[in-house]
Amino acid sequence: MKLLSFIPNTLTFLNLFFGCIAVFYGFNGDLKSLAIFVLLGMLCDFFDGFFARLLNVKSQLGVQLDSLSDLVTFGLSSSVVIFILLSKSLYVIESDIDSPIRLIPYLSFLITIASSYRLAKFNLDSNDSYFKGLPTPANALLIVFLPFMLENQFLNHFYYLLENTFFLIFILLISSYLLISDIEIPSLKIKRFFSKKNKFLYLFLIISTSLLIGFKLAAFPIIIVVYVFLGLLRIKF
């Protein structure tokens, strides 16, 4: 049993490991690999909590390790994606090399700062029926899969938006705000499979699955927009 108790923390460390690799690929300009490793980290993040509850080995140390790992895998990786996109945006690359405009990409690390606040606030919040503010994994899905929208035949007509400096700044500001806000975002935890209270959750899962089939990985940003919209409507799952 003692050996099994190490499983949650091992998965947490794997989450952090994948997050570090994601950041490495991001700074090397490989945003596709970054997104894949963020997904791997997300799987580890899901299963570390799952096994902690299953084995009843939840601890304050595990909670803190989980937040530190999430900060890298979901917070820093999201900042790196926006940093790379801003660095290649038209307003930045067309500016003089010595212009202060060249510093604009560094605004992207507001997402990391907001993520740290979000995670600290989450550790102090005992509510289990909804989240206050957008969870960091959901925010990562919104941000790191934006480049995949360029490859979808239905969405690539909007490629110019990812070259627009002001649109990207808008995205990072909205992202940072959603992380630190008190907007009540529905929890995706299923407590009773056949409860009528799950009807909105099942509807959301059906919509999400349909979007993934139609748009593949490019669907994630759209799914998170729908998710936030449900929160704004104060719909609880």
Foldseek 3Di string as FASTA:
>chain_A
DVVLLCLLVVLLVLLLVLLVVLLVCLVVPNLVSSLVSLVSSVVSLVVSVVSCVVVVNDDPVSLVSNLVSLLRSQQVSLLSLLLVLLQQADVQVVDDPPDCSVVLSVVSNLSSVLSNLLSVVVVVDPDDFWGFFDHRSLLSLQRSLQVLLCVFPVRVVCVNLSNHNVSSVVSSVVSSCRSNGRQTFADLDDDDDPDPLCPVSVVLVVVLVVQCVRSNSNSSSVSSVVRVVCSVVVRYD
